[in-house]
Amino acid sequence: MIIDQKTTTAIFDQKTTTAIFSVAYGILRRLNICYRTFSLKHNEENK
């Protein structure tokens, strides 16, 4: 039983880590796109 619980926890941790990373990556990409769009607009206004 103990081994089964550890295995389940390990799989759960891996899935959770993957989920957190994919969410964080998605947020970072969105922020990066927003930042680029904003700085492009800002640069156009400064010309």
N, C-alpha and C. Protein backbone atom coordinates (compact mmCIF):
# COMPACT_ATOMS: atom_id res chain seq x y z
N MET A 1 0.84 -1.22 0.00
CA MET A 1 0.00 0.00 0.00
C MET A 1 0.87 1.27 0.00
N ILE A 2 1.93 1.27 0.79
CA ILE A 2 2.79 2.46 0.90
C ILE A 2 3.42 2.77 -0.45
N ILE A 3 3.91 1.72 -1.14
CA ILE A 3 4.55 1.91 -2.45
C ILE A 3 3.53 2.49 -3.43
N ASP A 4 2.30 1.96 -3.42
CA ASP A 4 1.26 2.44 -4.32
C ASP A 4 0.98 3.92 -4.08
N GLN A 5 0.90 4.30 -2.82
CA GLN A 5 0.63 5.70 -2.47
C GLN A 5 1.75 6.61 -2.97
N LYS A 6 3.00 6.17 -2.78
CA LYS A 6 4.15 6.96 -3.24
C LYS A 6 4.11 7.13 -4.75
N THR A 7 3.81 6.03 -5.46
CA THR A 7 3.77 6.08 -6.92
C THR A 7 2.69 7.05 -7.37
N THR A 8 1.52 6.96 -6.76
CA THR A 8 0.42 7.86 -7.11
C THR A 8 0.81 9.30 -6.86
N THR A 9 1.46 9.56 -5.73
CA THR A 9 1.89 10.92 -5.40
C THR A 9 2.89 11.42 -6.42
N ALA A 10 3.83 10.56 -6.82
CA ALA A 10 4.85 10.94 -7.79
C ALA A 10 4.18 11.31 -9.12
N ILE A 11 3.24 10.49 -9.57
CA ILE A 11 2.54 10.77 -10.83
C ILE A 11 1.75 12.07 -10.69
N PHE A 12 1.07 12.24 -9.55
CA PHE A 12 0.28 13.45 -9.32
C PHE A 12 1.17 14.68 -9.33
N ASP A 13 2.31 14.58 -8.64
CA ASP A 13 3.26 15.70 -8.59
C ASP A 13 3.74 16.07 -9.99
N GLN A 14 4.05 15.04 -10.79
CA GLN A 14 4.53 15.29 -12.14
C GLN A 14 3.45 15.99 -12.96
N LYS A 15 2.22 15.50 -12.85
CA LYS A 15 1.11 16.12 -13.59
C LYS A 15 0.89 17.55 -13.13
N THR A 16 0.93 17.76 -11.83
CA THR A 16 0.73 19.10 -11.26
C THR A 16 1.83 20.04 -11.74
N THR A 17 3.08 19.56 -11.68
CA THR A 17 4.21 20.38 -12.12
C THR A 17 4.05 20.75 -13.58
N THR A 18 3.69 19.75 -14.40
CA THR A 18 3.50 20.00 -15.84
C THR A 18 2.40 21.02 -16.05
N ALA A 19 1.30 20.87 -15.31
CA ALA A 19 0.17 21.79 -15.44
C ALA A 19 0.58 23.20 -15.05
N ILE A 20 1.28 23.32 -13.94
CA ILE A 20 1.72 24.65 -13.47
C ILE A 20 2.65 25.28 -14.50
N PHE A 21 3.58 24.47 -15.04
CA PHE A 21 4.52 25.00 -16.02
C PHE A 21 3.80 25.46 -17.28
N SER A 22 2.84 24.66 -17.76
CA SER A 22 2.14 25.04 -18.98
C SER A 22 1.31 26.30 -18.77
N VAL A 23 0.69 26.43 -17.61
CA VAL A 23 -0.09 27.63 -17.30
C VAL A 23 0.83 28.84 -17.21
N ALA A 24 1.93 28.67 -16.49
CA ALA A 24 2.90 29.77 -16.34
C ALA A 24 3.45 30.18 -17.70
N TYR A 25 3.75 29.18 -18.54
CA TYR A 25 4.29 29.45 -19.87
C TYR A 25 3.26 30.21 -20.70
N GLY A 26 2.00 29.79 -20.61
CA GLY A 26 0.94 30.47 -21.34
C GLY A 26 0.79 31.92 -20.91
N ILE A 27 0.84 32.15 -19.60
CA ILE A 27 0.73 33.52 -19.07
C ILE A 27 1.92 34.36 -19.53
N LEU A 28 3.12 33.79 -19.45
CA LEU A 28 4.33 34.51 -19.87
C LEU A 28 4.25 34.87 -21.35
N ARG A 29 3.78 33.93 -22.17
CA ARG A 29 3.67 34.20 -23.60
C ARG A 29 2.68 35.32 -23.86
N ARG A 30 1.55 35.28 -23.14
CA ARG A 30 0.53 36.32 -23.31
C ARG A 30 1.09 37.68 -22.91
N LEU A 31 1.78 37.72 -21.78
CA LEU A 31 2.39 38.96 -21.30
C LEU A 31 3.41 39.46 -22.31
N ASN A 32 4.21 38.55 -22.85
CA ASN A 32 5.24 38.91 -23.81
C ASN A 32 4.61 39.51 -25.06
N ILE A 33 3.53 38.90 -25.55
CA ILE A 33 2.83 39.40 -26.74
C ILE A 33 2.25 40.78 -26.44
N CYS A 34 1.61 40.92 -25.29
CA CYS A 34 1.02 42.21 -24.89
C CYS A 34 2.11 43.27 -24.79
N TYR A 35 3.23 42.91 -24.19
CA TYR A 35 4.34 43.85 -24.00
C TYR A 35 4.88 44.29 -25.36
N ARG A 36 5.06 43.33 -26.27
CA ARG A 36 5.58 43.65 -27.60
C ARG A 36 4.63 44.56 -28.34
N THR A 37 3.34 44.23 -28.29
CA THR A 37 2.33 45.05 -28.97
C THR A 37 2.35 46.46 -28.40
N PHE A 38 2.41 46.56 -27.07
CA PHE A 38 2.42 47.86 -26.40
C PHE A 38 3.66 48.67 -26.80
N SER A 39 4.83 48.03 -26.75
CA SER A 39 6.07 48.76 -27.07
C SER A 39 6.10 49.16 -28.54
N LEU A 40 5.52 48.34 -29.42
CA LEU A 40 5.45 48.71 -30.83
C LEU A 40 4.59 49.95 -31.01
N LYS A 41 3.43 49.96 -30.37
CA LYS A 41 2.53 51.13 -30.43
C LYS A 41 3.24 52.35 -29.86
N HIS A 42 3.91 52.15 -28.75
CA HIS A 42 4.62 53.24 -28.07
C HIS A 42 5.72 53.81 -28.97
N ASN A 43 6.44 52.94 -29.63
CA ASN A 43 7.52 53.38 -30.53
C ASN A 43 6.95 54.16 -31.71
N GLU A 44 5.80 53.72 -32.22
CA GLU A 44 5.17 54.43 -33.34
C GLU A 44 4.80 55.85 -32.93
N GLU A 45 4.28 56.00 -31.71
CA GLU A 45 3.86 57.31 -31.21
C GLU A 45 5.06 58.24 -31.02
N ASN A 46 6.20 57.68 -30.66
CA ASN A 46 7.39 58.49 -30.38
C ASN A 46 8.07 59.00 -31.65
N LYS A 47 7.79 58.41 -32.77
CA LYS A 47 8.44 58.83 -34.03
C LYS A 47 7.97 60.19 -34.47
